[in-house]
Amino acid sequence: MDYITVLLLLSFVWTCIHLLKLSPIGRKPSTASLPPGPRPFPIIGNILKLGDKPHQSLTNLSKTYGPVMSLKLGSISTIVVSSPETAKEVLHRNDQAFSGREVLGAVKAHNHHESSVIWSPTSAYWRKIRKICTREMFSVQRLNASQGLRKKIVQELLDHVEECCGRGCAVDIGAATFTASLNLLSNTIFSTNLAHHDSTFSQEFKDIVWGVMEEAGKPNFADYFPAFRLIDPQCIQRNMKVHFGKLIDIFDGLITQRVQSKASSASNDVLDAFLNLTKENNQEWSCNDIIHLLMDLFVAGTDTTSDTIEWAMAELLHNPETMVKAQRELQEVLGKDGIVQESDISKLPYLQGIVKETFRLHPPAPLLVPHKAETDVEICGFTVPKNSQVLINAWAIGRDPSIWSNPNAFVPERFLGCDIDVKGRDFELIPFGAGRRICLGLPLAHRMVHLILASLLHSYAWKLDDGMKPEDMDMNEKLGFTLQKAQPLRAIPIKV
């Protein structure tokens, strides 16, 4: 937490008091049936309890106050749920009542929240955008038809790894898999690679995406106190405007180029489908809407996929015996020289266990995307007041010792013979969320993570850079809105 900002907050305390008295948002709901929680300080509430890793701080607090917990973050009433049972109450049994979004001030830059499929309310517009994306990108038919494209992108990644192998140099796993994720989306939508593994553009794009995640993940006093919205004391919205502006320029340029060349272009890709819809529904769907949808797809679709693969590889290098088991399974199923196909994944239960275990320990968005109660709702005998922010602590659920034995250890074997999956039906493991606000790109991300990880493990043995030993690896987290490794993973490929 930025203590200079805390001092700024205190200097505006009387303004906050005045506004909180006037604002219905700031009026305290009846506390008789609220979930338990730490006693809030006057004005600032429990903000100081969040720390610099809120998912961990909230996990520790839940050990005292239980799996349904209330906090006061400035003027925002916040309910935190930290168990599969309470998550099911929110995301399944009361899905509609909790389908609202608590919109962060950061994502209001360039009015992004108004067109975003992630942040917009469950309106007719939101349903239309999800339907368009599913039809054009994420349906089973579309994904099956685009297997060849994913195979091509993975081969480009393996070619890069092969070049590093020949030179005996390390691969930056996060950067390489980010480039692959970026090119998969850009080929699907624009029919072209946006980056190459030896270019600087991928790293520049990755820096923009991390900038977005970092600003969105910061506790923002402008969210907690209406008086600060115009002041923006932490410069979060100003910084986000810069990052969003760069993305808007990139996507606007690509759209303009396509429109100008449309007469001679026969790409028939997702961008063409989007542009055709603007002609059919020009009052409801514009190029500006396309740009903001692309921002959602590329920010969420690149960062989370590459982070998950990097964490998986880090855990395997940290636990070498687990990597040996995974490579043995791949050789038994595919043979020594076989090429990994998507159809092979169902025959690789240990690999699937590795991916699930990675999602359990390192969920891409540890608190998911904030929900908002649309009405007063009762869960587990407590009242969640209307307009409360609701956080689902997927990180806490994944490390709950009452659910998982030896919860902090990387043990893929726990998923062998176990039906728990990540697709929103099993609330012990919900890295993509569940219910109507479940992650739109789950079907594609699920395929890509398995395919890339299997390909990297089957083609090469791996050792840590600079002679580092597994026990000396830095496995610490770096939190923005998503969860990254604090230190990028660099590993040397060895041809098997």
Protein backbone atom coordinates (compact mmCIF):
# COMPACT_ATOMS: atom_id res chain seq x y z
CA MET A 1 0.00 0.00 0.00
CA ASP A 2 1.30 3.50 -0.89
CA TYR A 3 1.51 5.35 2.45
CA ILE A 4 2.01 8.72 0.76
CA THR A 5 -1.41 8.15 -0.73
CA VAL A 6 -2.72 7.31 2.73
CA LEU A 7 -1.54 10.73 3.91
CA LEU A 8 -3.30 12.30 0.94
CA LEU A 9 -6.41 10.43 1.96
CA LEU A 10 -6.24 11.76 5.50
CA SER A 11 -5.81 15.31 4.25
CA PHE A 12 -9.11 14.96 2.42
CA VAL A 13 -10.86 13.22 5.28
CA TRP A 14 -13.43 15.92 5.96
CA THR A 15 -14.42 16.00 2.30
CA CYS A 16 -14.88 12.25 2.39
CA ILE A 17 -16.98 12.44 5.53
CA HIS A 18 -19.22 15.02 3.91
CA LEU A 19 -19.66 12.99 0.73
CA LEU A 20 -20.19 9.73 2.57
CA LYS A 21 -22.95 11.30 4.63
CA LEU A 22 -24.66 12.54 1.50
CA SER A 23 -24.15 9.46 -0.62
CA PRO A 24 -26.53 6.50 -0.30
CA ILE A 25 -23.60 4.27 -1.22
CA GLY A 26 -21.78 5.40 1.88
CA ARG A 27 -24.66 4.79 4.29
CA LYS A 28 -24.09 1.73 6.36
CA PRO A 29 -26.37 -1.20 5.68
CA SER A 30 -27.86 -3.01 8.63
CA THR A 31 -25.00 -5.00 10.14
CA ALA A 32 -27.20 -7.50 11.96
CA SER A 33 -27.00 -10.09 9.21
CA LEU A 34 -23.79 -9.06 7.46
CA PRO A 35 -21.04 -11.69 7.28
CA PRO A 36 -18.35 -11.32 9.96
CA GLY A 37 -15.19 -9.38 9.24
CA PRO A 38 -12.44 -7.26 10.76
CA ARG A 39 -13.51 -4.06 12.50
CA PRO A 40 -13.11 -1.17 10.03
CA PHE A 41 -11.28 2.05 10.84
CA PRO A 42 -13.31 5.24 10.45
CA ILE A 43 -13.44 6.49 6.85
CA ILE A 44 -10.79 4.21 5.36
CA GLY A 45 -12.38 0.99 6.60
CA ASN A 46 -10.23 -2.11 6.04
CA ILE A 47 -8.11 -0.78 3.16
CA LEU A 48 -4.87 -1.24 5.07
CA LYS A 49 -5.69 -4.93 5.53
CA LEU A 50 -5.25 -5.58 1.79
CA GLY A 51 -1.46 -5.22 1.70
CA ASP A 52 0.50 -5.60 -1.55
CA LYS A 53 -0.84 -9.14 -2.17
CA PRO A 54 -4.57 -8.89 -1.45
CA HIS A 55 -5.30 -12.51 -2.39
CA GLN A 56 -2.94 -13.71 0.35
CA SER A 57 -4.08 -11.10 2.90
CA LEU A 58 -7.73 -12.02 2.33
CA THR A 59 -6.89 -15.71 2.62
CA ASN A 60 -5.32 -15.12 6.03
CA LEU A 61 -8.29 -13.03 7.17
CA SER A 62 -10.72 -15.76 6.09
CA LYS A 63 -9.00 -18.15 8.52
CA THR A 64 -10.27 -15.89 11.29
CA TYR A 65 -13.61 -14.70 9.94
CA GLY A 66 -14.72 -17.63 7.80
CA PRO A 67 -15.45 -18.38 4.14
CA VAL A 68 -17.99 -15.53 3.85
CA MET A 69 -16.42 -12.31 5.10
CA SER A 70 -17.34 -8.64 4.91
CA LEU A 71 -14.96 -5.72 4.64
CA LYS A 72 -15.38 -2.01 4.21
CA LEU A 73 -13.05 -0.52 1.59
CA GLY A 74 -13.73 3.18 1.92
CA SER A 75 -17.31 3.60 0.72
CA ILE A 76 -17.48 0.13 -0.88
CA SER A 77 -19.03 -2.76 1.00
CA THR A 78 -17.09 -5.86 -0.04
CA ILE A 79 -17.96 -9.51 0.50
CA VAL A 80 -15.17 -12.08 0.10
CA VAL A 81 -15.98 -15.76 -0.42
CA SER A 82 -13.22 -18.31 0.05
CA SER A 83 -14.67 -21.82 -0.13
CA PRO A 84 -16.20 -24.02 -2.85
CA GLU A 85 -19.58 -24.01 -1.08
CA THR A 86 -19.79 -20.21 -0.85
CA ALA A 87 -18.45 -19.79 -4.39
CA LYS A 88 -21.22 -22.11 -5.60
CA GLU A 89 -23.79 -19.99 -3.75
CA VAL A 90 -22.59 -16.91 -5.62
CA LEU A 91 -21.76 -18.29 -9.07
CA HIS A 92 -24.40 -20.99 -9.42
CA ARG A 93 -27.38 -20.83 -7.07
CA ASN A 94 -27.54 -17.00 -7.15
CA ASP A 95 -25.79 -16.50 -10.48
CA GLN A 96 -28.21 -13.89 -11.83
CA ALA A 97 -28.25 -11.84 -8.64
CA PHE A 98 -24.43 -11.65 -8.66
CA SER A 99 -24.00 -11.16 -12.41
CA GLY A 100 -23.23 -7.45 -12.11
CA ARG A 101 -19.75 -6.01 -12.35
CA GLU A 102 -17.99 -3.74 -9.89
CA VAL A 103 -16.29 -1.56 -12.50
CA LEU A 104 -12.80 -0.43 -11.54
CA GLY A 105 -11.93 3.20 -12.19
CA ALA A 106 -8.85 2.05 -14.10
CA VAL A 107 -10.91 0.37 -16.83
CA LYS A 108 -13.03 3.49 -17.32
CA ALA A 109 -10.11 5.02 -19.23
CA HIS A 110 -11.19 5.78 -22.81
CA ASN A 111 -14.67 4.64 -21.66
CA HIS A 112 -13.50 1.07 -22.15
CA HIS A 113 -16.02 -0.34 -19.67
CA GLU A 114 -18.94 0.79 -21.83
CA SER A 115 -18.04 -1.56 -24.71
CA SER A 116 -16.10 -4.25 -22.83
CA VAL A 117 -17.47 -7.78 -22.75
CA ILE A 118 -15.62 -8.27 -19.44
CA TRP A 119 -16.79 -5.14 -17.63
CA SER A 120 -20.18 -4.28 -19.12
CA PRO A 121 -23.35 -5.32 -17.24
CA THR A 122 -25.36 -8.37 -18.28
CA SER A 123 -27.36 -6.34 -20.78
CA ALA A 124 -28.66 -7.14 -24.26
CA TYR A 125 -25.40 -5.62 -25.60
CA TRP A 126 -23.30 -7.96 -23.43
CA ARG A 127 -25.29 -11.00 -24.54
CA LYS A 128 -24.89 -9.99 -28.17
CA ILE A 129 -21.09 -9.61 -27.88
CA ARG A 130 -20.69 -12.98 -26.16
CA LYS A 131 -22.84 -14.61 -28.82
CA ILE A 132 -20.76 -13.05 -31.61
CA CYS A 133 -17.47 -14.17 -30.02
CA THR A 134 -18.69 -17.69 -29.39
CA ARG A 135 -20.00 -18.04 -32.93
CA GLU A 136 -16.93 -16.59 -34.63
CA MET A 137 -14.11 -17.82 -32.36
CA PHE A 138 -14.91 -20.15 -29.48
CA SER A 139 -17.54 -22.66 -30.62
CA VAL A 140 -16.45 -26.31 -30.90
CA GLN A 141 -16.91 -26.14 -34.67
CA ARG A 142 -14.70 -23.04 -34.99
CA LEU A 143 -12.03 -24.45 -32.70
CA ASN A 144 -11.95 -27.77 -34.53
CA ALA A 145 -11.67 -25.97 -37.86
CA SER A 146 -8.71 -23.88 -36.62
CA GLN A 147 -6.55 -26.77 -35.32
CA GLY A 148 -4.18 -26.35 -38.24
CA LEU A 149 -3.58 -22.74 -37.30
CA ARG A 150 -2.68 -23.64 -33.72
CA LYS A 151 -0.36 -26.37 -35.00
CA LYS A 152 1.41 -23.78 -37.19
CA ILE A 153 1.84 -21.36 -34.28
CA VAL A 154 3.21 -24.09 -31.99
CA GLN A 155 5.65 -25.16 -34.71
CA GLU A 156 6.94 -21.58 -34.93
CA LEU A 157 7.48 -21.68 -31.17
CA LEU A 158 9.35 -24.99 -31.45
CA ASP A 159 11.48 -23.56 -34.27
CA HIS A 160 12.49 -20.74 -31.92
CA VAL A 161 13.28 -23.24 -29.18
CA GLU A 162 15.28 -25.34 -31.65
CA GLU A 163 17.35 -22.30 -32.59
CA CYS A 164 18.08 -21.62 -28.91
CA CYS A 165 18.92 -25.30 -28.44
CA GLY A 166 21.42 -25.19 -31.29
CA ARG A 167 23.14 -22.19 -29.74
CA GLY A 168 22.99 -23.64 -26.23
CA CYS A 169 21.22 -20.56 -24.90
CA ALA A 170 18.24 -20.23 -22.59
CA VAL A 171 14.64 -19.63 -23.63
CA ASP A 172 12.62 -16.97 -21.85
CA ILE A 173 9.58 -19.21 -21.38
CA GLY A 174 7.13 -16.42 -20.59
CA ALA A 175 8.21 -14.25 -23.52
CA ALA A 176 8.24 -17.13 -26.01
CA THR A 177 4.81 -18.42 -25.03
CA PHE A 178 3.43 -14.87 -24.99
CA THR A 179 4.54 -14.45 -28.61
CA ALA A 180 2.83 -17.73 -29.49
CA SER A 181 -0.40 -16.65 -27.74
CA LEU A 182 -0.27 -13.23 -29.41
CA ASN A 183 0.22 -14.72 -32.87
CA LEU A 184 -2.53 -17.27 -32.35
CA LEU A 185 -5.04 -14.51 -31.68
CA SER A 186 -3.70 -12.23 -34.42
CA ASN A 187 -3.86 -15.03 -37.00
CA THR A 188 -7.36 -15.97 -35.92
CA ILE A 189 -8.61 -12.39 -36.07
CA PHE A 190 -6.34 -10.64 -38.61
CA SER A 191 -4.86 -13.57 -40.62
CA THR A 192 -1.32 -12.46 -39.83
CA ASN A 193 1.41 -12.70 -37.20
CA LEU A 194 1.70 -9.53 -35.12
CA ALA A 195 5.14 -10.52 -33.86
CA HIS A 196 8.11 -12.81 -34.42
CA HIS A 197 10.14 -14.55 -31.76
CA ASP A 198 13.22 -12.53 -32.63
CA SER A 199 11.44 -9.15 -32.85
CA THR A 200 10.92 -6.47 -30.22
CA PHE A 201 7.21 -5.96 -30.89
CA SER A 202 6.13 -8.94 -28.79
CA GLN A 203 7.99 -7.63 -25.74
CA GLU A 204 6.59 -4.15 -26.33
CA PHE A 205 3.07 -5.58 -26.52
CA LYS A 206 3.72 -7.71 -23.42
CA ASP A 207 4.84 -4.58 -21.55
CA ILE A 208 1.60 -2.83 -22.52
CA VAL A 209 -0.48 -5.78 -21.37
CA TRP A 210 1.36 -6.02 -18.06
CA GLY A 211 0.92 -2.25 -17.64
CA VAL A 212 -2.83 -2.76 -17.98
CA MET A 213 -2.82 -5.65 -15.50
CA GLU A 214 -0.61 -3.78 -13.04
CA GLU A 215 -2.79 -0.65 -12.96
CA ALA A 216 -6.03 -2.66 -12.81
CA GLY A 217 -4.67 -4.69 -9.90
CA LYS A 218 -3.67 -1.78 -7.67
CA PRO A 219 -5.93 -0.88 -4.73
CA ASN A 220 -7.29 2.44 -6.01
CA PHE A 221 -8.47 5.12 -3.58
CA ALA A 222 -10.44 6.69 -6.42
CA ASP A 223 -12.58 3.53 -6.37
CA TYR A 224 -13.03 3.63 -2.62
CA PHE A 225 -13.81 7.34 -2.24
CA PRO A 226 -15.92 9.31 -4.75
CA ALA A 227 -14.05 12.51 -3.82
CA PHE A 228 -10.89 11.17 -5.43
CA ARG A 229 -12.35 10.24 -8.84
CA LEU A 230 -11.49 13.57 -10.47
CA ILE A 231 -8.18 13.90 -8.63
CA ASP A 232 -6.89 10.39 -9.49
CA PRO A 233 -4.17 10.73 -6.80
CA GLN A 234 -2.33 7.52 -7.72
CA CYS A 235 -2.42 8.37 -11.46
CA ILE A 236 -3.96 4.97 -12.14
CA GLN A 237 -6.50 6.13 -14.68
CA ARG A 238 -3.96 8.44 -16.33
CA ASN A 239 -1.49 5.58 -16.69
CA MET A 240 -4.24 3.31 -17.97
CA LYS A 241 -5.17 5.90 -20.61
CA VAL A 242 -1.63 5.65 -21.94
CA HIS A 243 -1.69 1.84 -22.10
CA PHE A 244 -5.19 1.71 -23.59
CA GLY A 245 -4.24 4.44 -26.04
CA LYS A 246 -1.39 2.32 -27.39
CA LEU A 247 -3.70 -0.65 -27.87
CA ILE A 248 -6.33 1.52 -29.54
CA ASP A 249 -3.73 2.84 -31.98
CA ILE A 250 -2.61 -0.69 -32.88
CA PHE A 251 -6.10 -2.07 -33.46
CA ASP A 252 -7.44 1.06 -35.14
CA GLY A 253 -4.53 0.89 -37.59
CA LEU A 254 -5.24 -2.76 -38.40
CA ILE A 255 -8.94 -2.11 -38.89
CA THR A 256 -8.29 0.94 -41.09
CA GLN A 257 -5.84 -1.06 -43.19
CA ARG A 258 -8.40 -3.84 -43.65
CA VAL A 259 -11.20 -1.44 -44.60
CA GLN A 260 -8.99 0.27 -47.17
CA SER A 261 -7.86 -3.03 -48.69
CA LYS A 262 -11.20 -4.78 -48.45
CA ALA A 263 -11.87 -4.67 -52.19
CA SER A 264 -8.73 -6.71 -52.89
CA SER A 265 -8.80 -8.82 -49.70
CA ALA A 266 -10.33 -12.25 -49.40
CA SER A 267 -9.19 -13.11 -45.88
CA ASN A 268 -12.64 -14.07 -44.56
CA ASP A 269 -11.38 -14.06 -40.96
CA VAL A 270 -12.86 -12.91 -37.67
CA LEU A 271 -12.16 -9.25 -38.39
CA ASP A 272 -14.12 -9.54 -41.64
CA ALA A 273 -17.01 -11.08 -39.71
CA PHE A 274 -16.90 -8.22 -37.18
CA LEU A 275 -16.80 -5.58 -39.92
CA ASN A 276 -19.70 -7.20 -41.74
CA LEU A 277 -21.73 -6.93 -38.56
CA THR A 278 -21.11 -3.18 -38.41
CA LYS A 279 -22.81 -2.90 -41.80
CA GLU A 280 -25.76 -4.98 -40.68
CA ASN A 281 -26.11 -3.31 -37.26
CA ASN A 282 -24.44 0.07 -37.68
CA GLN A 283 -26.49 1.59 -34.87
CA GLU A 284 -25.65 -1.17 -32.40
CA TRP A 285 -22.16 -2.32 -33.36
CA SER A 286 -19.40 0.03 -34.49
CA CYS A 287 -15.68 -0.04 -35.22
CA ASN A 288 -15.16 1.50 -31.78
CA ASP A 289 -16.95 -1.48 -30.23
CA ILE A 290 -14.69 -3.82 -32.22
CA ILE A 291 -11.58 -2.05 -30.93
CA HIS A 292 -12.65 -2.40 -27.29
CA LEU A 293 -13.57 -6.05 -27.80
CA LEU A 294 -10.14 -6.66 -29.32
CA MET A 295 -8.57 -5.02 -26.26
CA ASP A 296 -10.40 -7.51 -24.03
CA LEU A 297 -9.46 -10.49 -26.19
CA PHE A 298 -5.77 -9.63 -26.54
CA VAL A 299 -5.14 -8.43 -22.98
CA ALA A 300 -6.90 -11.39 -21.35
CA GLY A 301 -6.00 -13.99 -23.97
CA THR A 302 -2.25 -13.45 -24.16
CA ASP A 303 -1.25 -12.77 -20.57
CA THR A 304 -3.18 -15.53 -18.82
CA THR A 305 -2.19 -18.28 -21.27
CA SER A 306 1.52 -17.47 -21.23
CA ASP A 307 1.54 -16.99 -17.44
CA THR A 308 -0.03 -20.42 -16.91
CA ILE A 309 2.48 -22.17 -19.17
CA GLU A 310 5.38 -20.35 -17.49
CA TRP A 311 4.12 -21.38 -14.04
CA ALA A 312 3.68 -24.98 -15.22
CA MET A 313 7.23 -25.13 -16.59
CA ALA A 314 8.57 -23.48 -13.43
CA GLU A 315 6.84 -26.06 -11.23
CA LEU A 316 8.17 -28.91 -13.38
CA LEU A 317 11.73 -27.59 -13.23
CA HIS A 318 11.27 -27.07 -9.49
CA ASN A 319 10.08 -30.70 -9.23
CA PRO A 320 12.26 -32.62 -11.74
CA GLU A 321 10.76 -36.01 -10.94
CA THR A 322 7.37 -34.70 -12.04
CA MET A 323 8.80 -33.55 -15.35
CA VAL A 324 10.30 -37.00 -15.91
CA LYS A 325 6.88 -38.60 -15.34
CA ALA A 326 5.24 -36.20 -17.80
CA GLN A 327 7.86 -36.86 -20.49
CA ARG A 328 7.60 -40.59 -19.95
CA GLU A 329 3.83 -40.44 -20.49
CA LEU A 330 4.31 -38.41 -23.69
CA GLN A 331 6.79 -40.95 -25.08
CA GLU A 332 4.53 -43.88 -24.23
CA VAL A 333 1.53 -42.30 -25.97
CA LEU A 334 3.24 -40.55 -28.91
CA GLY A 335 6.50 -42.40 -29.40
CA LYS A 336 9.85 -40.68 -29.40
CA ASP A 337 9.39 -38.75 -32.66
CA GLY A 338 5.63 -38.19 -32.61
CA ILE A 339 4.17 -34.72 -33.01
CA VAL A 340 1.66 -33.61 -30.39
CA GLN A 341 -1.87 -33.26 -31.77
CA GLU A 342 -4.84 -31.79 -29.94
CA SER A 343 -6.55 -35.17 -30.20
CA ASP A 344 -3.72 -36.66 -28.09
CA ILE A 345 -4.46 -34.55 -25.01
CA SER A 346 -7.32 -36.79 -23.86
CA LYS A 347 -4.82 -39.69 -23.75
CA LEU A 348 -2.47 -37.80 -21.42
CA PRO A 349 -4.05 -37.82 -17.93
CA TYR A 350 -0.79 -36.93 -16.15
CA LEU A 351 -0.29 -33.87 -18.37
CA GLN A 352 -3.88 -32.85 -17.68
CA GLY A 353 -3.14 -33.25 -13.97
CA ILE A 354 -0.14 -30.94 -14.31
CA VAL A 355 -2.30 -28.24 -15.91
CA LYS A 356 -5.00 -28.57 -13.25
CA GLU A 357 -2.40 -28.45 -10.48
CA THR A 358 -0.92 -25.31 -12.04
CA PHE A 359 -4.34 -23.66 -12.13
CA ARG A 360 -4.92 -24.72 -8.50
CA LEU A 361 -1.72 -23.16 -7.19
CA HIS A 362 -1.47 -20.25 -9.63
CA PRO A 363 -4.93 -19.15 -10.84
CA PRO A 364 -4.38 -16.46 -13.51
CA ALA A 365 -6.72 -13.98 -11.77
CA PRO A 366 -6.56 -14.97 -8.08
CA LEU A 367 -9.64 -12.93 -7.12
CA LEU A 368 -11.34 -13.44 -10.51
CA VAL A 369 -13.12 -10.34 -11.88
CA PRO A 370 -15.17 -8.48 -9.22
CA HIS A 371 -18.88 -9.24 -9.17
CA LYS A 372 -21.58 -6.93 -7.84
CA ALA A 373 -24.82 -7.83 -6.07
CA GLU A 374 -27.78 -6.60 -8.12
CA THR A 375 -30.18 -7.08 -5.16
CA ASP A 376 -29.99 -7.98 -1.49
CA VAL A 377 -29.08 -11.68 -1.47
CA GLU A 378 -28.89 -14.21 1.34
CA ILE A 379 -26.01 -16.71 1.23
CA CYS A 380 -25.04 -19.13 3.96
CA GLY A 381 -27.34 -17.35 6.43
CA PHE A 382 -25.83 -13.90 5.81
CA THR A 383 -27.15 -10.95 3.83
CA VAL A 384 -25.11 -9.53 0.98
CA PRO A 385 -26.44 -5.98 0.48
CA LYS A 386 -27.36 -4.67 -2.95
CA ASN A 387 -24.42 -2.99 -4.77
CA SER A 388 -21.83 -4.81 -2.66
CA GLN A 389 -18.64 -5.80 -4.41
CA VAL A 390 -18.18 -9.59 -4.30
CA LEU A 391 -14.72 -11.12 -4.59
CA ILE A 392 -14.18 -14.84 -5.19
CA ASN A 393 -10.80 -15.84 -3.75
CA ALA A 394 -9.88 -18.64 -6.15
CA TRP A 395 -6.33 -18.59 -4.76
CA ALA A 396 -7.61 -19.37 -1.25
CA ILE A 397 -9.90 -22.13 -2.49
CA GLY A 398 -7.00 -23.74 -4.34
CA ARG A 399 -4.87 -23.86 -1.17
CA ASP A 400 -7.53 -24.77 1.37
CA PRO A 401 -6.15 -27.65 3.52
CA SER A 402 -9.70 -28.87 4.21
CA ILE A 403 -10.06 -29.61 0.49
CA TRP A 404 -6.52 -30.44 -0.64
CA SER A 405 -3.98 -32.56 1.20
CA ASN A 406 -0.53 -30.98 1.36
CA PRO A 407 -2.05 -27.92 -0.37
CA ASN A 408 1.15 -25.95 -1.03
CA ALA A 409 2.92 -28.84 -2.78
CA PHE A 410 2.83 -29.42 -6.55
CA VAL A 411 1.27 -32.89 -6.80
CA PRO A 412 -0.40 -33.61 -10.18
CA GLU A 413 -1.14 -37.14 -9.01
CA ARG A 414 -4.00 -35.78 -6.89
CA PHE A 415 -6.03 -35.37 -10.10
CA LEU A 416 -5.48 -38.90 -11.44
CA GLY A 417 -8.77 -40.77 -11.30
CA CYS A 418 -10.44 -37.55 -10.18
CA ASP A 419 -13.25 -35.89 -12.14
CA ILE A 420 -12.56 -32.32 -10.95
CA ASP A 421 -12.14 -30.01 -13.95
CA VAL A 422 -11.58 -26.28 -14.57
CA LYS A 423 -14.65 -25.59 -16.71
CA GLY A 424 -16.88 -24.05 -14.06
CA ARG A 425 -18.73 -27.11 -12.81
CA ASP A 426 -16.40 -28.01 -9.92
CA PHE A 427 -16.10 -25.14 -7.46
CA GLU A 428 -12.95 -26.53 -5.86
CA LEU A 429 -11.12 -25.38 -9.01
CA ILE A 430 -12.47 -22.26 -10.77
CA PRO A 431 -9.56 -20.38 -12.38
CA PHE A 432 -11.89 -19.23 -15.19
CA GLY A 433 -14.82 -18.44 -12.91
CA ALA A 434 -18.24 -20.03 -13.38
CA GLY A 435 -21.80 -19.20 -14.30
CA ARG A 436 -22.88 -16.64 -16.87
CA ARG A 437 -19.74 -14.52 -16.32
CA ILE A 438 -17.34 -17.40 -16.87
CA CYS A 439 -14.28 -16.51 -18.98
CA LEU A 440 -15.33 -16.26 -22.61
CA GLY A 441 -12.02 -17.60 -23.95
CA LEU A 442 -11.86 -20.71 -21.77
CA PRO A 443 -12.31 -23.20 -24.66
CA LEU A 444 -9.38 -21.76 -26.63
CA ALA A 445 -7.13 -21.19 -23.61
CA HIS A 446 -7.70 -24.76 -22.43
CA ARG A 447 -6.57 -26.16 -25.78
CA MET A 448 -3.57 -23.86 -26.12
CA VAL A 449 -2.15 -24.45 -22.64
CA HIS A 450 -2.21 -28.23 -23.06
CA LEU A 451 -0.90 -28.18 -26.62
CA ILE A 452 2.01 -25.81 -25.98
CA LEU A 453 3.04 -27.44 -22.71
CA ALA A 454 2.92 -30.95 -24.19
CA SER A 455 4.95 -29.82 -27.23
CA LEU A 456 7.66 -28.20 -25.10
CA LEU A 457 7.96 -31.27 -22.88
CA HIS A 458 7.89 -33.88 -25.64
CA SER A 459 10.47 -32.29 -27.90
CA TYR A 460 13.09 -31.27 -25.33
CA ALA A 461 14.60 -31.94 -21.97
CA TRP A 462 15.10 -28.76 -19.94
CA LYS A 463 17.58 -27.46 -17.43
CA LEU A 464 17.77 -24.20 -15.53
CA ASP A 465 19.95 -21.36 -16.79
CA ASP A 466 23.28 -20.44 -15.16
CA GLY A 467 23.59 -23.81 -13.44
CA MET A 468 20.81 -22.99 -10.98
CA LYS A 469 19.52 -25.87 -8.87
CA PRO A 470 15.77 -26.57 -8.60
CA GLU A 471 15.78 -25.87 -4.87
CA ASP A 472 17.26 -22.40 -5.50
CA MET A 473 14.50 -21.25 -7.87
CA ASP A 474 12.58 -18.07 -7.07
CA MET A 475 8.92 -19.15 -7.04
CA ASN A 476 7.55 -15.86 -5.72
CA GLU A 477 4.53 -14.15 -7.27
CA LYS A 478 4.16 -10.73 -8.84
CA LEU A 479 0.58 -9.51 -8.66
CA GLY A 480 -1.23 -7.13 -10.93
CA PHE A 481 -4.76 -8.06 -11.85
CA THR A 482 -3.20 -11.38 -12.82
CA LEU A 483 -0.53 -13.49 -11.17
CA GLN A 484 2.91 -13.62 -12.76
CA LYS A 485 6.23 -15.08 -11.70
CA ALA A 486 8.27 -12.43 -9.92
CA GLN A 487 11.38 -13.58 -11.81
CA PRO A 488 10.99 -14.62 -15.48
CA LEU A 489 11.75 -18.29 -16.09
CA ARG A 490 14.76 -18.97 -18.27
CA ALA A 491 15.56 -22.57 -19.19
CA ILE A 492 17.93 -24.25 -21.61
CA PRO A 493 16.38 -26.79 -24.04
CA ILE A 494 18.21 -30.04 -24.72
CA LYS A 495 17.21 -32.13 -27.70
CA VAL A 496 15.94 -35.58 -26.70
